[in-house]
Amino acid sequence: MTLARTLAVALHGISGQLVEVETDISAGLPGLSFTGLGDVSVVESRDRIRAAIVNSGLDWPLRKITVALLPADVRKVGSRFDLATALALIAASGQVRADSVADAVWIAELGLDGRLRPVPGVLPAVLAAERAGVRRVVVSTANAAEAALVNGVDVRAATDLREIVGWLRGESAAPAVAVRDMATGTDRGTEVDLADVAGQSAAKRALEIAAAGGHHLFLLGSPGAGKTMLAERLPSLLPELDDGAALEVTAVHSVAGQLGRQAQLVRRPPLQAPHHTASVAALVGGGSHLARPGAISLAHHGVLFLDESPEFARGALDALRQPLESGAVVLHRGGGVVTYPARFQLVLAANPCPCGSRAGDCSCPPQARRRYLQRLSGPLLDRVDLRVFVDPVTHGDLFDPAAARESSVQVASRVVAARAVAAQRWQGTGWRLNGQVPGGVLRSARWALGRADIAPAETFLQRGQISARGLDRVLRLAWTIADLGGHRVPDAGDVTEALFFRTGRSDSWAA
């Protein structure tokens, strides 16, 4: 037999496509050539594969070897095709039966000594195999826990090429079955707690509204007021991810190579807090050929916290505008187009002036303050639902016992109840949170509020103090506030509270 086939998976973002690896051995000058749009790492694998086969005690055929990665018009990137290519070559040379390697997906990089090394993106690759109807996947032992997260697939974890060949020949036992780690992400008990934050009742209320409705949040206040503490506690108010969301988030982290050897399903909403020197590529994703996920995708179904937000590059901040609306980021590179999910909650934090002095000690002129905050563009801030000024903590609040403050668990229970109401309301629409509902829907006849209830918001719109998009944000907030308050529909009090948190103006409250 001089022709053999195996299976592998090509990844584009977090989407996988089954790849058939065909190897033909024929008369001609000895050598190995690839066809099928393999990148440099695929072409370079011929030297790794040859060394791995020889050092595993197997024969290298001194003939012309052609490897086709099919479909040929799909780009293949990375070293994940090493094991499939090596086994197709071994089968084509008659050292194992061709049918023993044809019905499984093989995902691993090969070391020169034949060891199986881990590769990123194993979880989405195994998911793609399962969807294509493949029921057996072989990976390296370092990727075993991650691959085992997919149900309905017989995942085997091998240490080296010699072990696999012995199994295929019937000379040794099959590689061990990969066992799923039943732990799921970070335990809620190990998270930071909202009770740690002294005072800040308005900011805590805004945090609760943001968690319940999936709204974006802007925290403005002097240093030491607690902006960072508040933002870092938002994930502790969010419910655990359901199965579909957890698989999406875990797949993104898998492609980014951030799961590690003891991979677990990510159940807790992630928190990403990049430094203000982060580039556009670091935030939204980038890289040559096919782009890798950025911070906004790693924060999918979680929180992206930008501390000292005016210090970020203007272009990096404005690059967030489109993903905030669409919930995804589409990256065009020379190697193709990649789409990553990016439905995150944005939290911006900023000092009111460039000097960062405490209230009363600032000597910045008004023009300097205005220029500093204008680094956050109007179109970006218009997409942020809640805006809160975080006042310095008073002496009395600071020394109040923490036991008297509400914990994250207490607030999270109200968040879960409010989200359940919203999910029931929007059932069958594709939306689950009020923060996802288009403004046109909330203004339609089916969901429109009474004119008396929204009169304060209309006044702000007529004065130009909020935009049309801002009015839609006010309506979204009002529905979330109503859900938290147990109201069937928002009333005037809910709308005026929403207007206050949208504009940050105390005169928006109804008398």
Protein backbone atom coordinates (compact mmCIF):
# COMPACT_ATOMS: atom_id res chain seq x y z
CA MET A 1 0.00 0.00 0.00
CA THR A 2 1.55 3.33 -1.05
CA LEU A 3 -1.42 5.56 -0.27
CA ALA A 4 -2.96 6.28 3.14
CA ARG A 5 -5.29 8.84 4.70
CA THR A 6 -5.68 10.34 8.16
CA LEU A 7 -7.69 13.21 9.59
CA ALA A 8 -6.71 16.51 11.22
CA VAL A 9 -8.45 19.84 11.91
CA ALA A 10 -7.65 23.33 10.58
CA LEU A 11 -8.66 26.28 12.76
CA HIS A 12 -9.89 29.70 11.66
CA GLY A 13 -10.60 31.69 14.80
CA ILE A 14 -12.56 29.32 17.01
CA SER A 15 -14.12 27.51 14.04
CA GLY A 16 -12.61 24.22 12.97
CA GLN A 17 -12.74 22.38 9.65
CA LEU A 18 -11.92 18.74 9.12
CA VAL A 19 -8.82 18.21 6.98
CA GLU A 20 -8.02 14.98 5.17
CA VAL A 21 -4.29 14.23 5.13
CA GLU A 22 -3.37 12.04 2.14
CA THR A 23 0.13 10.62 1.70
CA ASP A 24 1.41 8.95 -1.45
CA ILE A 25 4.75 7.18 -1.80
CA SER A 26 5.97 6.73 -5.36
CA ALA A 27 9.10 6.27 -7.45
CA GLY A 28 11.26 9.33 -7.80
CA LEU A 29 13.89 11.36 -6.05
CA PRO A 30 13.67 10.91 -2.24
CA GLY A 31 11.99 13.82 -0.53
CA LEU A 32 8.75 15.05 1.02
CA SER A 33 6.58 17.77 -0.47
CA PHE A 34 3.31 19.36 0.67
CA THR A 35 0.32 20.59 -1.28
CA GLY A 36 -2.80 22.27 0.08
CA LEU A 37 -1.93 25.81 1.28
CA GLY A 38 0.24 24.86 4.24
CA ASP A 39 2.07 27.75 5.90
CA VAL A 40 5.77 27.79 6.78
CA SER A 41 5.28 25.82 10.01
CA VAL A 42 3.53 23.05 8.04
CA VAL A 43 6.25 22.88 5.37
CA GLU A 44 9.01 22.86 8.01
CA SER A 45 7.37 19.87 9.69
CA ARG A 46 9.00 17.51 7.17
CA ASP A 47 12.29 17.67 9.10
CA ARG A 48 10.53 17.19 12.46
CA ILE A 49 8.48 14.28 11.11
CA ARG A 50 11.50 12.53 9.61
CA ALA A 51 13.49 12.79 12.84
CA ALA A 52 10.50 11.67 14.93
CA ILE A 53 9.89 8.59 12.75
CA VAL A 54 13.55 7.53 12.66
CA ASN A 55 14.10 8.14 16.39
CA SER A 56 10.99 6.07 17.16
CA GLY A 57 12.61 3.01 15.56
CA LEU A 58 10.58 3.15 12.35
CA ASP A 59 11.69 3.18 8.72
CA TRP A 60 11.80 6.31 6.58
CA PRO A 61 11.00 5.45 2.95
CA LEU A 62 13.73 6.64 0.58
CA ARG A 63 11.24 7.47 -2.18
CA LYS A 64 9.19 10.42 -3.34
CA ILE A 65 6.59 11.33 -0.70
CA THR A 66 3.68 13.66 -1.47
CA VAL A 67 1.39 14.92 1.29
CA ALA A 68 -1.91 16.58 0.32
CA LEU A 69 -3.87 18.57 2.90
CA LEU A 70 -7.46 18.60 1.66
CA PRO A 71 -9.49 20.65 0.92
CA ALA A 72 -6.60 22.28 -0.87
CA ASP A 73 -8.11 25.80 -0.89
CA VAL A 74 -8.24 26.10 2.93
CA ARG A 75 -5.15 27.55 4.57
CA LYS A 76 -3.47 25.32 7.15
CA VAL A 77 -1.51 27.00 9.91
CA GLY A 78 0.60 25.60 12.74
CA SER A 79 2.21 22.36 13.85
CA ARG A 80 -1.08 20.63 14.70
CA PHE A 81 -0.80 18.52 11.49
CA ASP A 82 2.49 16.81 12.49
CA LEU A 83 1.01 13.66 14.02
CA ALA A 84 -1.61 13.11 11.30
CA THR A 85 1.03 13.54 8.58
CA ALA A 86 3.47 11.18 10.27
CA LEU A 87 0.88 8.43 10.72
CA ALA A 88 -0.35 8.78 7.13
CA LEU A 89 3.27 8.35 5.98
CA ILE A 90 3.83 5.34 8.27
CA ALA A 91 0.63 3.73 6.98
CA ALA A 92 1.47 4.45 3.33
CA SER A 93 4.84 2.76 3.80
CA GLY A 94 3.12 -0.38 5.14
CA GLN A 95 4.38 -0.18 8.72
CA VAL A 96 0.80 -0.07 10.09
CA ARG A 97 -2.51 -0.90 8.43
CA ALA A 98 -3.99 2.00 6.47
CA ASP A 99 -7.48 1.44 7.88
CA SER A 100 -6.18 1.73 11.46
CA VAL A 101 -5.43 5.45 11.05
CA ALA A 102 -8.20 6.53 8.69
CA ASP A 103 -11.15 6.97 11.06
CA ALA A 104 -9.59 9.13 13.79
CA VAL A 105 -8.45 12.73 14.15
CA TRP A 106 -4.81 13.11 15.21
CA ILE A 107 -3.82 16.43 16.83
CA ALA A 108 -0.30 16.97 18.16
CA GLU A 109 3.07 18.47 17.38
CA LEU A 110 5.99 16.08 17.15
CA GLY A 111 9.33 16.51 18.88
CA LEU A 112 12.48 15.22 17.20
CA ASP A 113 12.48 12.21 19.53
CA GLY A 114 8.88 11.31 18.69
CA ARG A 115 7.26 12.85 21.74
CA LEU A 116 3.78 14.33 21.32
CA ARG A 117 3.76 17.99 22.24
CA PRO A 118 0.68 20.14 23.02
CA VAL A 119 -0.80 22.64 20.56
CA PRO A 120 -3.22 25.53 21.16
CA GLY A 121 -6.84 25.31 20.07
CA VAL A 122 -7.43 21.64 20.88
CA LEU A 123 -10.91 22.28 22.31
CA PRO A 124 -12.40 23.91 19.16
CA ALA A 125 -10.60 21.28 17.06
CA VAL A 126 -12.23 18.40 18.97
CA LEU A 127 -15.59 20.21 18.79
CA ALA A 128 -15.19 20.41 15.00
CA ALA A 129 -14.37 16.69 14.86
CA GLU A 130 -17.44 15.84 16.93
CA ARG A 131 -19.70 17.94 14.69
CA ALA A 132 -18.25 16.20 11.62
CA GLY A 133 -19.21 12.81 13.07
CA VAL A 134 -15.72 11.63 14.06
CA ARG A 135 -15.83 9.61 17.26
CA ARG A 136 -12.12 9.09 18.05
CA VAL A 137 -9.49 11.76 18.64
CA VAL A 138 -5.88 11.29 19.75
CA VAL A 139 -3.96 14.14 21.40
CA SER A 140 -0.87 14.59 23.53
CA THR A 141 -1.17 13.96 27.26
CA ALA A 142 -0.66 17.67 27.91
CA ASN A 143 -3.86 18.42 25.92
CA ALA A 144 -5.87 15.54 27.38
CA ALA A 145 -7.91 17.46 29.96
CA GLU A 146 -8.84 20.12 27.42
CA ALA A 147 -9.88 17.62 24.73
CA ALA A 148 -11.96 15.67 27.26
CA LEU A 149 -14.23 18.68 27.79
CA VAL A 150 -16.13 17.62 24.65
CA ASN A 151 -18.78 14.97 25.23
CA GLY A 152 -19.49 12.17 22.77
CA VAL A 153 -15.89 11.66 21.59
CA ASP A 154 -13.45 8.89 22.57
CA VAL A 155 -10.36 10.98 23.38
CA ARG A 156 -7.07 9.14 23.79
CA ALA A 157 -3.96 10.74 25.28
CA ALA A 158 -0.57 9.46 24.06
CA THR A 159 2.94 10.36 25.11
CA ASP A 160 4.93 9.56 21.96
CA LEU A 161 4.79 8.16 18.44
CA ARG A 162 6.20 4.79 19.50
CA GLU A 163 3.23 4.25 21.86
CA ILE A 164 0.72 4.97 19.10
CA VAL A 165 2.40 2.68 16.56
CA GLY A 166 2.54 -0.15 19.10
CA TRP A 167 -1.19 0.28 19.71
CA LEU A 168 -2.02 0.33 15.99
CA ARG A 169 0.01 -2.86 15.44
CA GLY A 170 -1.73 -4.59 18.34
CA GLU A 171 1.56 -4.95 20.23
CA SER A 172 0.57 -2.78 23.22
CA ALA A 173 -2.46 -1.42 25.00
CA ALA A 174 -4.37 1.55 23.68
CA PRO A 175 -3.38 5.01 24.99
CA ALA A 176 -5.22 6.07 28.12
CA VAL A 177 -8.68 7.57 27.82
CA ALA A 178 -8.57 11.31 28.56
CA VAL A 179 -10.53 12.05 31.73
CA ARG A 180 -12.55 15.22 32.09
CA ASP A 181 -11.68 17.41 35.06
CA MET A 182 -15.04 17.93 36.78
CA ALA A 183 -13.92 21.18 38.42
CA THR A 184 -15.18 24.21 36.52
CA GLY A 185 -13.14 27.37 36.73
CA THR A 186 -12.81 29.65 39.73
CA ASP A 187 -14.89 28.94 42.79
CA ARG A 188 -17.09 31.90 43.75
CA GLY A 189 -15.79 31.68 47.30
CA THR A 190 -12.28 32.57 46.15
CA GLU A 191 -13.36 35.76 44.36
CA VAL A 192 -13.11 39.29 45.67
CA ASP A 193 -16.22 40.48 47.46
CA LEU A 194 -18.30 43.62 47.07
CA ALA A 195 -18.41 43.88 50.87
CA ASP A 196 -14.74 44.91 50.72
CA VAL A 197 -15.77 48.27 49.22
CA ALA A 198 -16.58 50.90 51.84
CA GLY A 199 -19.33 53.41 51.08
CA GLN A 200 -19.99 54.19 47.40
CA SER A 201 -23.69 53.37 47.51
CA ALA A 202 -24.39 55.01 44.12
CA ALA A 203 -21.49 53.24 42.44
CA LYS A 204 -22.54 49.90 43.94
CA ARG A 205 -26.06 50.46 42.68
CA ALA A 206 -24.67 51.18 39.21
CA LEU A 207 -22.60 48.00 39.42
CA GLU A 208 -25.71 45.98 40.25
CA ILE A 209 -27.63 47.52 37.34
CA ALA A 210 -24.71 46.84 35.00
CA ALA A 211 -24.57 43.19 36.08
CA ALA A 212 -28.33 42.67 35.80
CA GLY A 213 -28.69 44.16 32.32
CA GLY A 214 -25.28 43.60 30.71
CA HIS A 215 -24.67 47.35 30.51
CA HIS A 216 -21.33 49.13 30.03
CA LEU A 217 -20.05 51.36 32.83
CA PHE A 218 -17.86 54.48 33.20
CA LEU A 219 -16.40 55.28 36.64
CA LEU A 220 -15.01 58.79 37.10
CA GLY A 221 -13.42 59.89 40.35
CA SER A 222 -10.30 60.95 42.23
CA PRO A 223 -7.51 58.46 43.04
CA GLY A 224 -8.22 56.20 45.99
CA ALA A 225 -12.00 56.52 45.72
CA GLY A 226 -12.40 52.82 44.89
CA LYS A 227 -12.89 52.72 41.10
CA THR A 228 -10.58 49.76 40.57
CA MET A 229 -12.03 47.84 43.52
CA LEU A 230 -15.53 48.31 42.15
CA ALA A 231 -14.64 47.25 38.61
CA GLU A 232 -12.78 44.14 39.75
CA ARG A 233 -15.87 43.01 41.67
CA LEU A 234 -18.27 43.16 38.75
CA PRO A 235 -17.54 39.55 37.68
CA SER A 236 -18.45 38.38 41.20
CA LEU A 237 -22.00 39.70 40.61
CA LEU A 238 -22.46 37.84 37.33
CA PRO A 239 -24.04 34.36 37.16
CA GLU A 240 -22.05 31.35 36.03
CA LEU A 241 -21.93 30.72 32.29
CA ASP A 242 -24.27 28.15 30.80
CA ASP A 243 -22.90 25.25 28.75
CA GLY A 244 -22.94 27.04 25.41
CA ALA A 245 -21.31 30.22 26.71
CA ALA A 246 -18.75 28.25 28.73
CA LEU A 247 -17.67 26.29 25.66
CA GLU A 248 -17.34 29.50 23.62
CA VAL A 249 -15.23 31.21 26.28
CA THR A 250 -13.07 28.13 26.86
CA ALA A 251 -12.54 27.75 23.10
CA VAL A 252 -11.26 31.33 22.81
CA HIS A 253 -8.85 30.79 25.71
CA SER A 254 -7.77 27.51 24.11
CA VAL A 255 -6.90 29.21 20.80
CA ALA A 256 -4.95 31.83 22.76
CA GLY A 257 -3.03 29.05 24.56
CA GLN A 258 -4.18 30.16 28.01
CA LEU A 259 -5.84 27.02 29.35
CA GLY A 260 -2.74 25.20 30.55
CA ARG A 261 -2.27 21.50 31.26
CA GLN A 262 -5.08 21.23 33.84
CA ALA A 263 -7.73 22.60 31.52
CA GLN A 264 -11.17 23.21 32.95
CA LEU A 265 -14.39 24.51 31.48
CA VAL A 266 -14.52 28.26 32.15
CA ARG A 267 -17.73 28.77 34.10
CA ARG A 268 -16.96 32.09 35.79
CA PRO A 269 -17.17 35.22 33.61
CA PRO A 270 -13.59 36.25 32.78
CA LEU A 271 -12.00 39.59 33.65
CA GLN A 272 -9.46 41.20 31.33
CA ALA A 273 -7.62 44.31 32.52
CA PRO A 274 -4.93 45.25 29.96
CA HIS A 275 -2.37 47.95 30.73
CA HIS A 276 -2.94 51.36 29.20
CA THR A 277 0.05 50.86 26.85
CA ALA A 278 -1.85 48.06 25.07
CA SER A 279 -1.92 48.36 21.27
CA VAL A 280 -4.89 48.02 18.96
CA ALA A 281 -3.79 44.47 18.12
CA ALA A 282 -3.52 43.55 21.80
CA LEU A 283 -7.07 44.78 22.44
CA VAL A 284 -8.99 43.56 19.38
CA GLY A 285 -6.65 40.81 18.13
CA GLY A 286 -3.91 40.68 15.56
CA GLY A 287 -0.83 38.99 14.18
CA SER A 288 0.40 37.99 10.75
CA HIS A 289 -1.40 35.49 8.52
CA LEU A 290 -4.40 34.53 10.70
CA ALA A 291 -4.93 36.86 13.65
CA ARG A 292 -5.02 35.68 17.26
CA PRO A 293 -7.69 36.77 19.75
CA GLY A 294 -7.22 40.01 21.68
CA ALA A 295 -8.36 41.14 25.12
CA ILE A 296 -11.92 41.84 23.99
CA SER A 297 -12.35 38.22 22.86
CA LEU A 298 -10.67 36.85 25.98
CA ALA A 299 -13.27 38.91 27.89
CA HIS A 300 -16.16 37.32 25.93
CA HIS A 301 -19.16 36.85 28.26
CA GLY A 302 -17.15 38.65 30.93
CA VAL A 303 -15.68 42.06 31.74
CA LEU A 304 -13.09 44.21 29.96
CA PHE A 305 -11.74 46.73 32.47
CA LEU A 306 -9.70 49.67 31.15
CA ASP A 307 -8.18 51.45 34.14
CA GLU A 308 -6.73 54.91 33.51
CA SER A 309 -8.73 54.81 30.27
CA PRO A 310 -7.72 58.31 28.99
CA GLU A 311 -4.11 57.07 28.94
CA PHE A 312 -4.93 54.47 26.27
CA ALA A 313 -4.16 55.39 22.67
CA ARG A 314 -7.12 57.08 21.02
CA GLY A 315 -7.07 54.61 18.14
CA ALA A 316 -7.07 51.62 20.50
CA LEU A 317 -10.13 52.93 22.35
CA ASP A 318 -12.05 53.77 19.20
CA ALA A 319 -11.35 50.27 17.85
CA LEU A 320 -13.76 49.03 20.53
CA ARG A 321 -16.74 50.85 19.08
CA GLN A 322 -17.74 48.32 16.43
CA PRO A 323 -17.35 45.21 18.67
CA LEU A 324 -19.42 46.93 21.37
CA GLU A 325 -22.33 47.07 18.92
CA SER A 326 -21.93 43.73 17.12
CA GLY A 327 -20.60 41.45 19.85
CA ALA A 328 -17.91 40.13 17.49
CA VAL A 329 -14.70 41.31 15.85
CA VAL A 330 -13.82 40.52 12.23
CA LEU A 331 -10.08 40.66 11.51
CA HIS A 332 -8.78 40.79 7.94
CA ARG A 333 -5.19 39.66 7.47
CA GLY A 334 -3.07 38.40 4.60
CA GLY A 335 -3.84 34.81 5.57
CA GLY A 336 -7.59 35.29 5.52
CA VAL A 337 -10.51 36.59 7.55
CA VAL A 338 -11.05 35.51 11.16
CA THR A 339 -14.07 36.20 13.33
CA TYR A 340 -13.85 36.05 17.11
CA PRO A 341 -16.74 36.50 19.55
CA ALA A 342 -16.46 39.67 21.66
CA ARG A 343 -19.66 40.19 23.65
CA PHE A 344 -18.16 41.75 26.76
CA GLN A 345 -19.09 44.34 29.36
CA LEU A 346 -16.85 47.38 29.15
CA VAL A 347 -15.83 49.18 32.35
CA LEU A 348 -13.87 52.43 31.93
CA ALA A 349 -12.22 54.15 34.88
CA ALA A 350 -10.63 57.60 34.84
CA ASN A 351 -9.36 60.35 37.08
CA PRO A 352 -11.01 63.73 36.45
CA CYS A 353 -7.71 65.42 35.55
CA PRO A 354 -4.23 64.54 34.26
CA CYS A 355 -2.39 65.29 37.52
CA GLY A 356 -4.31 62.64 39.43
CA SER A 357 -4.35 64.64 42.63
CA ARG A 358 -6.97 64.10 45.28
CA ALA A 359 -9.99 66.37 45.39
CA GLY A 360 -9.04 69.81 46.64
CA ASP A 361 -5.35 69.41 45.74
CA CYS A 362 -5.69 69.64 41.95
CA SER A 363 -4.15 72.66 40.27
CA CYS A 364 -5.08 71.73 36.69
CA PRO A 365 -6.87 74.50 34.78
CA PRO A 366 -10.32 73.71 33.41
CA GLN A 367 -8.96 73.48 29.85
CA ALA A 368 -6.48 70.74 30.90
CA ARG A 369 -9.24 68.75 32.57
CA ARG A 370 -11.45 69.06 29.52
CA ARG A 371 -8.69 68.01 27.13
CA TYR A 372 -7.84 65.03 29.35
CA LEU A 373 -11.35 63.59 29.37
CA GLN A 374 -11.78 64.38 25.67
CA ARG A 375 -9.29 61.61 24.99
CA LEU A 376 -12.35 59.40 25.44
CA SER A 377 -14.23 60.10 22.23
CA GLY A 378 -17.89 61.03 22.21
CA PRO A 379 -18.91 58.03 20.02
CA LEU A 380 -17.23 55.65 22.49
CA LEU A 381 -18.82 57.20 25.59
CA ASP A 382 -22.17 57.29 23.81
CA ARG A 383 -22.04 53.48 23.81
CA VAL A 384 -21.52 53.35 27.59
CA ASP A 385 -24.85 53.10 29.38
CA LEU A 386 -23.91 54.02 32.97
CA ARG A 387 -21.76 56.96 34.07
CA VAL A 388 -20.98 57.37 37.76
CA PHE A 389 -18.89 59.87 39.66
CA VAL A 390 -17.12 58.00 42.45
CA ASP A 391 -16.75 60.36 45.41
CA PRO A 392 -13.93 59.95 47.95
CA VAL A 393 -14.82 57.60 50.81
CA THR A 394 -15.85 59.36 54.00
CA HIS A 395 -14.31 58.61 57.39
CA GLY A 396 -17.55 57.13 58.66
CA ASP A 397 -17.95 54.79 55.67
CA LEU A 398 -14.35 53.66 55.81
CA PHE A 399 -14.58 52.44 59.41
CA ASP A 400 -18.00 50.82 59.11
CA PRO A 401 -17.75 47.06 59.75
CA ALA A 402 -17.56 45.05 56.53
CA ALA A 403 -20.16 42.64 57.90
CA ALA A 404 -22.78 45.38 57.65
CA ARG A 405 -22.21 45.80 53.91
CA GLU A 406 -23.92 43.72 51.24
CA SER A 407 -21.80 40.88 49.91
CA SER A 408 -21.38 39.86 46.29
CA VAL A 409 -23.51 36.77 46.92
CA GLN A 410 -26.43 38.87 48.15
CA VAL A 411 -26.32 41.25 45.19
CA ALA A 412 -25.72 38.38 42.75
CA SER A 413 -28.97 36.73 43.87
CA ARG A 414 -30.92 39.85 42.81
CA VAL A 415 -28.97 39.95 39.56
CA VAL A 416 -29.90 36.35 38.77
CA ALA A 417 -33.59 37.06 39.49
CA ALA A 418 -33.59 40.18 37.30
CA ARG A 419 -31.85 38.35 34.45
CA ALA A 420 -34.42 35.57 34.64
CA VAL A 421 -37.23 38.11 34.21
CA ALA A 422 -35.48 39.68 31.21
CA ALA A 423 -34.77 36.28 29.65
CA GLN A 424 -38.44 35.38 29.94
CA ARG A 425 -39.48 38.70 28.40
CA TRP A 426 -37.16 38.36 25.40
CA GLN A 427 -37.64 34.62 24.93
CA GLY A 428 -37.58 33.66 21.27
CA THR A 429 -35.99 36.93 20.13
CA GLY A 430 -32.32 35.95 20.39
CA TRP A 431 -31.70 38.45 23.20
CA ARG A 432 -31.34 37.55 26.86
CA LEU A 433 -30.32 40.83 28.49
CA ASN A 434 -31.85 44.30 28.32
CA GLY A 435 -28.46 45.70 27.30
CA GLN A 436 -28.63 43.68 24.07
CA VAL A 437 -32.05 44.88 22.90
CA PRO A 438 -32.02 47.44 20.05
CA GLY A 439 -33.49 50.82 20.90
CA GLY A 440 -35.96 50.61 18.04
CA VAL A 441 -37.57 47.61 19.69
CA LEU A 442 -37.94 49.42 23.02
CA ARG A 443 -39.55 52.38 21.22
CA SER A 444 -41.94 50.18 19.23
CA ALA A 445 -45.63 50.05 20.01
CA ARG A 446 -45.25 46.71 21.79
CA TRP A 447 -42.75 48.01 24.38
CA ALA A 448 -43.18 51.80 24.32
CA LEU A 449 -43.56 53.49 27.72
CA GLY A 450 -46.10 56.15 28.53
CA ARG A 451 -45.22 59.72 27.52
CA ALA A 452 -45.53 60.90 31.13
CA ASP A 453 -43.02 58.26 32.26
CA ILE A 454 -40.36 59.20 29.70
CA ALA A 455 -40.99 62.97 29.77
CA PRO A 456 -37.72 63.75 31.66
CA ALA A 457 -35.70 61.78 29.09
CA GLU A 458 -37.43 63.51 26.19
CA THR A 459 -36.56 66.88 27.75
CA PHE A 460 -32.87 65.95 27.84
CA LEU A 461 -33.09 64.78 24.22
CA GLN A 462 -34.68 68.05 23.08
CA ARG A 463 -31.99 70.09 24.86
CA GLY A 464 -29.27 68.05 23.15
CA GLN A 465 -27.99 66.73 26.48
CA ILE A 466 -28.36 63.15 25.27
CA SER A 467 -28.34 61.74 21.74
CA ALA A 468 -30.90 59.44 20.16
CA ARG A 469 -28.59 56.56 21.04
CA GLY A 470 -28.43 57.96 24.58
CA LEU A 471 -32.22 57.85 24.81
CA ASP A 472 -32.16 54.20 23.80
CA ARG A 473 -29.59 53.56 26.54
CA VAL A 474 -31.87 55.25 29.07
CA LEU A 475 -34.74 52.97 28.05
CA ARG A 476 -32.54 49.88 28.39
CA LEU A 477 -31.46 50.98 31.86
CA ALA A 478 -35.05 51.69 32.87
CA TRP A 479 -36.12 48.16 32.00
CA THR A 480 -33.22 46.71 34.02
CA ILE A 481 -34.03 48.92 37.01
CA ALA A 482 -37.66 47.80 36.76
CA ASP A 483 -36.58 44.15 36.72
CA LEU A 484 -34.49 44.68 39.85
CA GLY A 485 -37.39 46.47 41.53
CA GLY A 486 -39.97 43.84 40.62
CA HIS A 487 -41.96 46.18 38.35
CA ARG A 488 -43.78 44.71 35.36
CA VAL A 489 -42.92 47.78 33.25
CA PRO A 490 -40.71 50.79 34.08
CA ASP A 491 -42.40 53.71 35.81
CA ALA A 492 -41.35 57.36 36.02
CA GLY A 493 -39.04 56.62 38.96
CA ASP A 494 -37.23 53.91 37.02
CA VAL A 495 -36.78 56.24 34.02
CA THR A 496 -35.46 59.12 36.10
CA GLU A 497 -33.00 56.86 37.93
CA ALA A 498 -31.86 55.53 34.55
CA LEU A 499 -31.46 59.10 33.30
CA PHE A 500 -29.37 59.97 36.35
CA PHE A 501 -27.01 57.04 35.79
CA ARG A 502 -26.84 57.79 32.08
CA THR A 503 -26.02 61.49 32.41
CA GLY A 504 -24.42 61.62 35.85
CA ARG A 505 -26.55 64.69 36.60
CA SER A 506 -28.44 64.94 39.85
CA ASP A 507 -30.95 67.36 38.30
CA SER A 508 -32.27 64.53 36.15
CA TRP A 509 -34.14 63.17 39.15
CA ALA A 510 -37.80 64.09 39.28
CA ALA A 511 -38.71 66.33 42.15
